[in-house]
C-alpha atoms as a PDB file:
ATOM      1  CA  MET A   1       3.852   7.519  -1.089  1.00  0.00           C
ATOM      2  CA  GLU A   2       4.561   6.307  -4.613  1.00  0.00           C
ATOM      3  CA  PRO A   3       1.495   5.855  -6.855  1.00  0.00           C
ATOM      4  CA  SER A   4       2.019   2.079  -7.079  1.00  0.00           C
ATOM      5  CA  VAL A   5       2.069   1.776  -3.281  1.00  0.00           C
ATOM      6  CA  PHE A   6      -0.978   4.037  -2.971  1.00  0.00           C
ATOM      7  CA  LEU A   7      -3.003   1.978  -5.455  1.00  0.00           C
ATOM      8  CA  ALA A   8      -1.926  -1.272  -3.783  1.00  0.00           C
ATOM      9  CA  VAL A   9      -3.190  -0.019  -0.409  1.00  0.00           C
ATOM     10  CA  ILE A  10      -6.489   1.096  -1.982  1.00  0.00           C
ATOM     11  CA  ALA A  11      -6.889  -2.440  -3.358  1.00  0.00           C
ATOM     12  CA  ALA A  12      -6.071  -3.808   0.090  1.00  0.00           C
ATOM     13  CA  ALA A  13      -8.767  -1.569   1.572  1.00  0.00           C
ATOM     14  CA  ALA A  14     -11.376  -2.983  -0.802  1.00  0.00           C
ATOM     15  CA  MET A  15     -10.353  -6.560   0.018  1.00  0.00           C
ATOM     16  CA  HIS A  16     -10.413  -5.802   3.739  1.00  0.00           C
ATOM     17  CA  ALA A  17     -14.000  -4.613   3.519  1.00  0.00           C
ATOM     18  CA  GLY A  18     -14.794  -7.729   1.487  1.00  0.00           C
ATOM     19  CA  TRP A  19     -13.568 -10.237   4.047  1.00  0.00           C
ATOM     20  CA  ASN A  20     -15.423  -8.392   6.793  1.00  0.00           C
ATOM     21  CA  ALA A  21     -18.579  -8.896   4.742  1.00  0.00           C
ATOM     22  CA  ILE A  22     -17.837 -12.636   4.772  1.00  0.00           C
ATOM     23  CA  LEU A  23     -18.169 -12.493   8.583  1.00  0.00           C
ATOM     24  CA  LYS A  24     -21.880 -11.818   8.099  1.00  0.00           C
ATOM     25  CA  ILE A  25     -22.530 -15.245   6.521  1.00  0.00           C
ATOM     26  CA  ARG A  26     -24.921 -17.543   8.384  1.00  0.00           C
ATOM     27  CA  LEU A  27     -22.382 -18.480  11.025  1.00  0.00           C
ATOM     28  CA  ASP A  28     -21.396 -17.177  14.419  1.00  0.00           C
ATOM     29  CA  PRO A  29     -18.905 -14.373  13.603  1.00  0.00           C
ATOM     30  CA  LEU A  30     -16.129 -16.015  15.635  1.00  0.00           C
ATOM     31  CA  VAL A  31     -16.655 -19.308  13.783  1.00  0.00           C
ATOM     32  CA  ALA A  32     -16.401 -17.375  10.511  1.00  0.00           C
ATOM     33  CA  VAL A  33     -13.112 -15.887  11.733  1.00  0.00           C
ATOM     34  CA  VAL A  34     -11.828 -19.399  12.456  1.00  0.00           C
ATOM     35  CA  LEU A  35     -12.611 -20.345   8.853  1.00  0.00           C
ATOM     36  CA  ILE A  36     -10.946 -17.254   7.432  1.00  0.00           C
ATOM     37  CA  THR A  37      -7.795 -17.409   9.558  1.00  0.00           C
ATOM     38  CA  ALA A  38      -7.451 -21.147   8.904  1.00  0.00           C
ATOM     39  CA  ALA A  39      -7.527 -20.398   5.184  1.00  0.00           C
ATOM     40  CA  CYS A  40      -4.896 -17.700   5.732  1.00  0.00           C
ATOM     41  CA  SER A  41      -2.643 -20.207   7.512  1.00  0.00           C
ATOM     42  CA  ALA A  42      -3.040 -22.767   4.740  1.00  0.00           C
ATOM     43  CA  ILE A  43      -2.234 -20.204   2.048  1.00  0.00           C
ATOM     44  CA  ALA A  44       0.754 -18.854   4.011  1.00  0.00           C
ATOM     45  CA  LEU A  45       2.291 -22.296   4.694  1.00  0.00           C
ATOM     46  CA  PRO A  46       4.161 -22.665   1.362  1.00  0.00           C
ATOM     47  CA  ALA A  47       5.520 -19.127   1.644  1.00  0.00           C
ATOM     48  CA  ALA A  48       6.677 -19.724   5.222  1.00  0.00           C
ATOM     49  CA  ILE A  49       8.490 -22.897   4.164  1.00  0.00           C
ATOM     50  CA  TRP A  50      10.064 -21.068   1.241  1.00  0.00           C
ATOM     51  CA  VAL A  51      11.411 -18.084   3.221  1.00  0.00           C
ATOM     52  CA  GLY A  52      12.394 -20.127   6.287  1.00  0.00           C
ATOM     53  CA  PRO A  53      11.925 -19.191   9.949  1.00  0.00           C
ATOM     54  CA  PRO A  54      12.437 -15.595  11.081  1.00  0.00           C
ATOM     55  CA  PRO A  55      15.479 -14.618  13.161  1.00  0.00           C
ATOM     56  CA  ALA A  56      15.169 -14.682  16.952  1.00  0.00           C
ATOM     57  CA  HIS A  57      14.666 -10.929  17.351  1.00  0.00           C
ATOM     58  CA  VAL A  58      11.521 -11.034  15.164  1.00  0.00           C
ATOM     59  CA  TRP A  59       9.592 -13.606  17.221  1.00  0.00           C
ATOM     60  CA  PRO A  60       8.557 -11.142  19.976  1.00  0.00           C
ATOM     61  CA  TRP A  61       7.028  -8.868  17.331  1.00  0.00           C
ATOM     62  CA  ILE A  62       5.042 -11.759  15.825  1.00  0.00           C
ATOM     63  CA  ALA A  63       3.911 -12.954  19.276  1.00  0.00           C
ATOM     64  CA  ALA A  64       2.788  -9.467  20.276  1.00  0.00           C
ATOM     65  CA  SER A  65       0.957  -9.027  16.980  1.00  0.00           C
ATOM     66  CA  ILE A  66      -0.917 -12.322  17.357  1.00  0.00           C
ATOM     67  CA  ALA A  67      -1.944 -11.411  20.912  1.00  0.00           C
ATOM     68  CA  ILE A  68      -3.367  -8.050  19.807  1.00  0.00           C
ATOM     69  CA  HIS A  69      -4.987  -9.617  16.743  1.00  0.00           C
ATOM     70  CA  LEU A  70      -6.831 -12.027  19.046  1.00  0.00           C
ATOM     71  CA  VAL A  71      -8.234  -9.032  20.924  1.00  0.00           C
ATOM     72  CA  TYR A  72      -9.175  -7.505  17.580  1.00  0.00           C
ATOM     73  CA  TYR A  73     -11.034 -10.611  16.412  1.00  0.00           C
ATOM     74  CA  LEU A  74     -12.882 -11.059  19.712  1.00  0.00           C
ATOM     75  CA  THR A  75     -14.034  -7.456  19.894  1.00  0.00           C
ATOM     76  CA  LEU A  76     -14.925  -7.316  16.190  1.00  0.00           C
ATOM     77  CA  THR A  77     -16.975 -10.506  16.243  1.00  0.00           C
ATOM     78  CA  GLY A  78     -18.612  -9.484  19.505  1.00  0.00           C
ATOM     79  CA  ALA A  79     -19.703  -6.206  17.943  1.00  0.00           C
ATOM     80  CA  TYR A  80     -21.005  -8.005  14.834  1.00  0.00           C
ATOM     81  CA  ARG A  81     -23.284 -10.087  17.058  1.00  0.00           C
ATOM     82  CA  LEU A  82     -24.919  -6.921  18.320  1.00  0.00           C
ATOM     83  CA  ALA A  83     -25.001  -4.615  15.294  1.00  0.00           C
ATOM     84  CA  ASP A  84     -24.818  -4.648  11.522  1.00  0.00           C
ATOM     85  CA  MET A  85     -21.730  -4.117   9.393  1.00  0.00           C
ATOM     86  CA  GLY A  86     -22.724  -0.580   8.467  1.00  0.00           C
ATOM     87  CA  PHE A  87     -22.528   0.383  12.159  1.00  0.00           C
ATOM     88  CA  VAL A  88     -19.534  -1.614  13.381  1.00  0.00           C
ATOM     89  CA  TYR A  89     -17.062  -1.412  10.504  1.00  0.00           C
ATOM     90  CA  PRO A  90     -16.843   2.385  10.026  1.00  0.00           C
ATOM     91  CA  LEU A  91     -16.738   2.932  13.786  1.00  0.00           C
ATOM     92  CA  ALA A  92     -13.901   0.447  14.345  1.00  0.00           C
ATOM     93  CA  ARG A  93     -11.842   1.491  11.330  1.00  0.00           C
ATOM     94  CA  GLY A  94     -12.505   5.209  11.724  1.00  0.00           C
ATOM     95  CA  GLY A  95     -11.859   5.200  15.447  1.00  0.00           C
ATOM     96  CA  SER A  96      -8.373   3.725  15.146  1.00  0.00           C
ATOM     97  CA  PRO A  97      -6.614   6.799  13.661  1.00  0.00           C
ATOM     98  CA  LEU A  98      -8.491   8.988  16.148  1.00  0.00           C
ATOM     99  CA  ILE A  99      -7.019   6.953  19.018  1.00  0.00           C
ATOM    100  CA  THR A 100      -3.566   7.072  17.439  1.00  0.00           C
ATOM    101  CA  THR A 101      -3.758  10.856  17.122  1.00  0.00           C
ATOM    102  CA  LEU A 102      -4.880  11.261  20.724  1.00  0.00           C
ATOM    103  CA  PHE A 103      -2.018   9.038  21.890  1.00  0.00           C
ATOM    104  CA  SER A 104       0.408  11.175  19.907  1.00  0.00           C
ATOM    105  CA  LEU A 105      -0.898  14.355  21.511  1.00  0.00           C
ATOM    106  CA  LEU A 106      -1.359  13.190  25.097  1.00  0.00           C
ATOM    107  CA  LEU A 107       1.404  10.605  25.538  1.00  0.00           C
ATOM    108  CA  LEU A 108       4.109  11.593  23.066  1.00  0.00           C
ATOM    109  CA  GLY A 109       3.535  15.342  23.025  1.00  0.00           C
ATOM    110  CA  GLU A 110       3.799  15.497  19.241  1.00  0.00           C
ATOM    111  CA  PRO A 111       2.775  18.848  17.726  1.00  0.00           C
ATOM    112  CA  ILE A 112      -0.292  19.010  15.496  1.00  0.00           C
ATOM    113  CA  ASP A 113      -1.142  21.886  13.196  1.00  0.00           C
ATOM    114  CA  ALA A 114      -4.542  23.507  12.587  1.00  0.00           C
ATOM    115  CA  GLN A 115      -5.355  21.134   9.731  1.00  0.00           C
ATOM    116  CA  GLY A 116      -4.591  18.159  11.929  1.00  0.00           C
ATOM    117  CA  VAL A 117      -6.830  19.500  14.716  1.00  0.00           C
ATOM    118  CA  PHE A 118      -9.626  20.061  12.214  1.00  0.00           C
ATOM    119  CA  GLY A 119      -9.146  16.521  10.928  1.00  0.00           C
ATOM    120  CA  VAL A 120      -9.514  15.096  14.442  1.00  0.00           C
ATOM    121  CA  VAL A 121     -12.740  17.064  14.941  1.00  0.00           C
ATOM    122  CA  VAL A 122     -14.179  15.959  11.589  1.00  0.00           C
ATOM    123  CA  LEU A 123     -13.268  12.332  12.239  1.00  0.00           C
ATOM    124  CA  ALA A 124     -14.769  12.443  15.747  1.00  0.00           C
ATOM    125  CA  LEU A 125     -18.012  13.847  14.337  1.00  0.00           C
ATOM    126  CA  GLY A 126     -18.083  11.036  11.784  1.00  0.00           C
ATOM    127  CA  VAL A 127     -17.502   8.423  14.486  1.00  0.00           C
ATOM    128  CA  LEU A 128     -20.317   9.805  16.638  1.00  0.00           C
ATOM    129  CA  ALA A 129     -22.658  10.073  13.669  1.00  0.00           C
ATOM    130  CA  ILE A 130     -22.002   6.517  12.519  1.00  0.00           C
ATOM    131  CA  ALA A 131     -22.753   5.226  16.020  1.00  0.00           C
ATOM    132  CA  TRP A 132     -26.033   7.103  16.440  1.00  0.00           C
ATOM    133  CA  ARG A 133     -29.259   5.163  16.040  1.00  0.00           C
ATOM    134  CA  PRO A 134     -32.054   7.643  15.397  1.00  0.00           C
ATOM    135  CA  LYS A 135     -34.813   5.017  15.539  1.00  0.00           C
ATOM    136  CA  GLY A 136     -33.330   3.117  18.448  1.00  0.00           C
ATOM    137  CA  GLY A 137     -33.025   5.992  20.859  1.00  0.00           C
ATOM    138  CA  GLY A 138     -29.343   6.823  20.965  1.00  0.00           C
ATOM    139  CA  PHE A 139     -26.215   4.701  21.072  1.00  0.00           C
ATOM    140  CA  ASP A 140     -26.030   0.921  21.124  1.00  0.00           C
ATOM    141  CA  GLY A 141     -23.835   0.904  24.201  1.00  0.00           C
ATOM    142  CA  ARG A 142     -22.390  -2.617  24.049  1.00  0.00           C
ATOM    143  CA  ALA A 143     -21.680  -2.533  20.326  1.00  0.00           C
ATOM    144  CA  LEU A 144     -20.157   0.935  20.703  1.00  0.00           C
ATOM    145  CA  LEU A 145     -17.850  -0.244  23.504  1.00  0.00           C
ATOM    146  CA  LEU A 146     -16.713  -3.316  21.566  1.00  0.00           C
ATOM    147  CA  ALA A 147     -16.138  -1.310  18.386  1.00  0.00           C
ATOM    148  CA  ALA A 148     -14.083   1.222  20.374  1.00  0.00           C
ATOM    149  CA  ALA A 149     -11.965  -1.595  21.853  1.00  0.00           C
ATOM    150  CA  CYS A 150     -11.568  -2.987  18.348  1.00  0.00           C
ATOM    151  CA  ALA A 151     -10.364   0.421  17.127  1.00  0.00           C
ATOM    152  CA  LEU A 152      -7.784   0.521  19.906  1.00  0.00           C
ATOM    153  CA  SER A 153      -6.490  -2.932  18.972  1.00  0.00           C
ATOM    154  CA  ILE A 154      -6.204  -1.878  15.307  1.00  0.00           C
ATOM    155  CA  ALA A 155      -4.085   1.125  16.274  1.00  0.00           C
ATOM    156  CA  ILE A 156      -1.786  -1.069  18.365  1.00  0.00           C
ATOM    157  CA  TYR A 157      -1.310  -3.953  15.931  1.00  0.00           C
ATOM    158  CA  SER A 158      -0.751  -1.582  13.009  1.00  0.00           C
ATOM    159  CA  LEU A 159       2.186  -0.055  14.846  1.00  0.00           C
ATOM    160  CA  ILE A 160       3.531  -3.449  15.933  1.00  0.00           C
ATOM    161  CA  ASP A 161       3.354  -4.949  12.451  1.00  0.00           C
ATOM    162  CA  GLY A 162       4.851  -1.950  10.708  1.00  0.00           C
ATOM    163  CA  LEU A 163       7.814  -1.901  13.075  1.00  0.00           C
ATOM    164  CA  GLY A 164       8.037  -5.697  13.167  1.00  0.00           C
ATOM    165  CA  ALA A 165       8.256  -6.021   9.392  1.00  0.00           C
ATOM    166  CA  ARG A 166      10.951  -3.352   9.274  1.00  0.00           C
ATOM    167  CA  ASN A 167      12.928  -5.127  11.998  1.00  0.00           C
ATOM    168  CA  ALA A 168      12.573  -8.438  10.152  1.00  0.00           C
ATOM    169  CA  GLY A 169      14.146  -6.902   7.055  1.00  0.00           C
ATOM    170  CA  SER A 170      11.494  -8.577   4.888  1.00  0.00           C
ATOM    171  CA  PRO A 171       7.740  -7.914   4.954  1.00  0.00           C
ATOM    172  CA  HIS A 172       7.167 -11.240   3.221  1.00  0.00           C
ATOM    173  CA  LEU A 173       8.990 -13.299   5.841  1.00  0.00           C
ATOM    174  CA  TYR A 174       7.177 -11.457   8.638  1.00  0.00           C
ATOM    175  CA  SER A 175       3.750 -11.747   6.984  1.00  0.00           C
ATOM    176  CA  ALA A 176       4.105 -15.420   6.096  1.00  0.00           C
ATOM    177  CA  TRP A 177       4.874 -16.470   9.669  1.00  0.00           C
ATOM    178  CA  LEU A 178       2.307 -14.098  11.181  1.00  0.00           C
ATOM    179  CA  PHE A 179      -0.477 -15.599   9.070  1.00  0.00           C
ATOM    180  CA  LEU A 180       0.776 -19.156   9.495  1.00  0.00           C
ATOM    181  CA  LEU A 181       0.713 -18.997  13.298  1.00  0.00           C
ATOM    182  CA  GLU A 182      -2.344 -16.805  13.763  1.00  0.00           C
ATOM    183  CA  GLY A 183      -4.845 -19.372  12.462  1.00  0.00           C
ATOM    184  CA  PRO A 184      -4.078 -22.080  15.064  1.00  0.00           C
ATOM    185  CA  CYS A 185      -4.169 -19.487  17.855  1.00  0.00           C
ATOM    186  CA  VAL A 186      -7.606 -18.268  16.767  1.00  0.00           C
ATOM    187  CA  LEU A 187      -8.803 -21.890  16.613  1.00  0.00           C
ATOM    188  CA  VAL A 188      -7.672 -22.536  20.194  1.00  0.00           C
ATOM    189  CA  VAL A 189      -9.448 -19.413  21.451  1.00  0.00           C
ATOM    190  CA  ALA A 190     -12.640 -20.355  19.613  1.00  0.00           C
ATOM    191  CA  LEU A 191     -12.561 -23.899  21.038  1.00  0.00           C
ATOM    192  CA  ILE A 192     -12.204 -22.488  24.541  1.00  0.00           C
ATOM    193  CA  ARG A 193     -14.980 -19.929  24.105  1.00  0.00           C
ATOM    194  CA  LEU A 194     -17.476 -21.889  21.997  1.00  0.00           C
ATOM    195  CA  GLY A 195     -16.549 -25.565  22.262  1.00  0.00           C
ATOM    196  CA  PRO A 196     -15.958 -28.077  19.435  1.00  0.00           C
ATOM    197  CA  ALA A 197     -19.655 -28.515  18.648  1.00  0.00           C
ATOM    198  CA  ALA A 198     -20.053 -24.845  17.736  1.00  0.00           C
ATOM    199  CA  LEU A 199     -17.418 -25.175  15.008  1.00  0.00           C
ATOM    200  CA  ARG A 200     -19.108 -28.036  13.128  1.00  0.00           C
ATOM    201  CA  PRO A 201     -21.414 -25.789  11.017  1.00  0.00           C
ATOM    202  CA  ALA A 202     -18.281 -24.233   9.506  1.00  0.00           C
ATOM    203  CA  THR A 203     -17.851 -27.298   7.282  1.00  0.00           C
ATOM    204  CA  GLY A 204     -20.772 -26.078   5.192  1.00  0.00           C
ATOM    205  CA  PHE A 205     -19.037 -22.774   4.419  1.00  0.00           C
ATOM    206  CA  LEU A 206     -15.570 -23.869   3.355  1.00  0.00           C
ATOM    207  CA  LEU A 207     -15.651 -22.032   0.028  1.00  0.00           C
ATOM    208  CA  PRO A 208     -16.692 -18.629   1.484  1.00  0.00           C
ATOM    209  CA  GLY A 209     -14.097 -19.166   4.211  1.00  0.00           C
ATOM    210  CA  LEU A 210     -11.371 -19.825   1.656  1.00  0.00           C
ATOM    211  CA  PHE A 211     -12.405 -16.786  -0.358  1.00  0.00           C
ATOM    212  CA  GLY A 212     -12.492 -14.603   2.749  1.00  0.00           C
ATOM    213  CA  GLY A 213      -9.114 -15.937   3.856  1.00  0.00           C
ATOM    214  CA  ALA A 214      -7.549 -15.126   0.506  1.00  0.00           C
ATOM    215  CA  MET A 215      -8.885 -11.563   0.696  1.00  0.00           C
ATOM    216  CA  SER A 216      -7.819 -11.130   4.329  1.00  0.00           C
ATOM    217  CA  LEU A 217      -4.299 -12.419   3.697  1.00  0.00           C
ATOM    218  CA  SER A 218      -3.849 -10.376   0.524  1.00  0.00           C
ATOM    219  CA  ALA A 219      -5.198  -7.187   2.114  1.00  0.00           C
ATOM    220  CA  TYR A 220      -2.985  -7.252   5.183  1.00  0.00           C
ATOM    221  CA  TRP A 221       0.083  -8.671   3.444  1.00  0.00           C
ATOM    222  CA  ILE A 222      -0.067  -5.706   1.054  1.00  0.00           C
ATOM    223  CA  THR A 223      -0.513  -3.354   4.012  1.00  0.00           C
ATOM    224  CA  ILE A 224       2.513  -4.742   5.872  1.00  0.00           C
ATOM    225  CA  TRP A 225       4.605  -4.501   2.699  1.00  0.00           C
ATOM    226  CA  ALA A 226       3.433  -0.914   2.163  1.00  0.00           C
ATOM    227  CA  MET A 227       4.427   0.030   5.717  1.00  0.00           C
ATOM    228  CA  THR A 228       8.029  -0.818   4.796  1.00  0.00           C
ATOM    229  CA  LYS A 229       7.797   1.477   1.763  1.00  0.00           C
ATOM    230  CA  ALA A 230       5.982   4.475   3.232  1.00  0.00           C
ATOM    231  CA  PRO A 231       5.218   5.981   6.668  1.00  0.00           C
ATOM    232  CA  ILE A 232       3.078   3.692   8.828  1.00  0.00           C
ATOM    233  CA  GLY A 233       0.575   6.436   9.619  1.00  0.00           C
ATOM    234  CA  LEU A 234       0.130   7.319   5.963  1.00  0.00           C
ATOM    235  CA  VAL A 235      -0.457   3.701   4.974  1.00  0.00           C
ATOM    236  CA  ALA A 236      -2.898   3.228   7.850  1.00  0.00           C
ATOM    237  CA  ALA A 237      -4.835   6.320   6.774  1.00  0.00           C
ATOM    238  CA  VAL A 238      -5.171   5.229   3.153  1.00  0.00           C
ATOM    239  CA  ARG A 239      -6.195   1.744   4.303  1.00  0.00           C
ATOM    240  CA  GLU A 240      -9.134   3.244   6.178  1.00  0.00           C
ATOM    241  CA  SER A 241     -10.716   4.189   2.863  1.00  0.00           C
ATOM    242  CA  SER A 242     -12.121   0.693   3.340  1.00  0.00           C
ATOM    243  CA  VAL A 243     -15.004   2.292   5.269  1.00  0.00           C
ATOM    244  CA  MET A 244     -16.450   3.499   1.982  1.00  0.00           C
ATOM    245  CA  PHE A 245     -16.117   0.062   0.382  1.00  0.00           C
ATOM    246  CA  ALA A 246     -17.744  -1.430   3.494  1.00  0.00           C
ATOM    247  CA  ALA A 247     -20.667   1.002   3.272  1.00  0.00           C
ATOM    248  CA  LEU A 248     -21.206  -0.004  -0.348  1.00  0.00           C
ATOM    249  CA  ILE A 249     -20.978  -3.736   0.425  1.00  0.00           C
ATOM    250  CA  ALA A 250     -23.354  -3.412   3.381  1.00  0.00           C
ATOM    251  CA  VAL A 251     -26.061  -1.950   1.159  1.00  0.00           C
ATOM    252  CA  VAL A 252     -25.509  -3.758  -2.154  1.00  0.00           C
ATOM    253  CA  VAL A 253     -24.401  -7.235  -1.021  1.00  0.00           C
ATOM    254  CA  LEU A 254     -25.753  -7.626   2.520  1.00  0.00           C
ATOM    255  CA  HIS A 255     -28.948  -5.670   1.784  1.00  0.00           C
ATOM    256  CA  GLU A 256     -28.647  -3.618   4.941  1.00  0.00           C
ATOM    257  CA  PRO A 257     -30.867  -0.505   5.012  1.00  0.00           C
ATOM    258  CA  LEU A 258     -29.567   2.442   3.014  1.00  0.00           C
ATOM    259  CA  ARG A 259     -29.195   5.255   5.511  1.00  0.00           C
ATOM    260  CA  PRO A 260     -27.955   8.483   3.938  1.00  0.00           C
ATOM    261  CA  ALA A 261     -26.825   9.815   7.315  1.00  0.00           C
ATOM    262  CA  ARG A 262     -24.632   6.758   7.845  1.00  0.00           C
ATOM    263  CA  LEU A 263     -23.058   7.096   4.409  1.00  0.00           C
ATOM    264  CA  ALA A 264     -22.409  10.778   5.066  1.00  0.00           C
ATOM    265  CA  ALA A 265     -20.815   9.860   8.400  1.00  0.00           C
ATOM    266  CA  ALA A 266     -18.524   7.361   6.675  1.00  0.00           C
ATOM    267  CA  GLY A 267     -17.531  10.141   4.304  1.00  0.00           C
ATOM    268  CA  LEU A 268     -16.691  12.379   7.277  1.00  0.00           C
ATOM    269  CA  ILE A 269     -14.455   9.637   8.660  1.00  0.00           C
ATOM    270  CA  VAL A 270     -12.543   9.351   5.412  1.00  0.00           C
ATOM    271  CA  LEU A 271     -12.222  13.146   5.173  1.00  0.00           C
ATOM    272  CA  GLY A 272     -10.960  13.328   8.723  1.00  0.00           C
ATOM    273  CA  LEU A 273      -8.405  10.599   8.058  1.00  0.00           C
ATOM    274  CA  ALA A 274      -7.139  12.455   5.016  1.00  0.00           C
ATOM    275  CA  LEU A 275      -6.825  15.716   6.940  1.00  0.00           C
ATOM    276  CA  ILE A 276      -4.964  14.034   9.804  1.00  0.00           C
ATOM    277  CA  LYS A 277      -2.562  11.859   7.855  1.00  0.00           C
ATOM    278  CA  LEU A 278      -2.178  13.388   4.416  1.00  0.00           C
ATOM    279  CA  HIS A 279      -1.067  16.918   5.302  1.00  0.00           C
END
């Protein structure tokens, strides 16, 4: 990975943690996602008009990505209703490469060296540690299940979008139409699940929603572009450095309790990711 691509993905990781912090504003998390994805669609509209519609063979990739992203948003927001950012975010982001590695071993039969095995073990320990609640008597079962499902969806959509952008021949064309169409789909799902009345409070948070949308779009647009310049797994691994930014935001901005064990667990996740993907 070239240094410019590496630094761009690090910036994307910081922005990704930032827009997840926006989800903790005084709104239902799914309503906050509606705000953010609507902002993404509005920002992407001029770019989509400029680049024109994608060729026919790209539409299935975009449709599949939107479907998996909907699962991602539903599981992420469901977990945020049950637990704080410091619990959910590292578990979801750290679990995704673990799932990808297990799929590679069990389904694809890909070889993994001693360093890779050690990385899986370290990452798994970090995931378990981040999920443990010493004062609450063990795991938060529902939040843990939703965060695990969220991790699975991240692994799937990362692969879809990396391959989809490569098939499109332009990460910018692919990203513009993905963001443009995703917002209305999220809105429809939210209307079905929550009803129109539940969305009305969002009008009081338009500015945070716009800010979160700009960060979300920039973070993932950069990631999709990077996956056309470097191996998908490598980009995904560097992106997960966002767990450290999220831990910092959770304490400094959201004023969540500072738990040294949780910060150490987030560090284990990052170390495990590096061992798995950067060898």
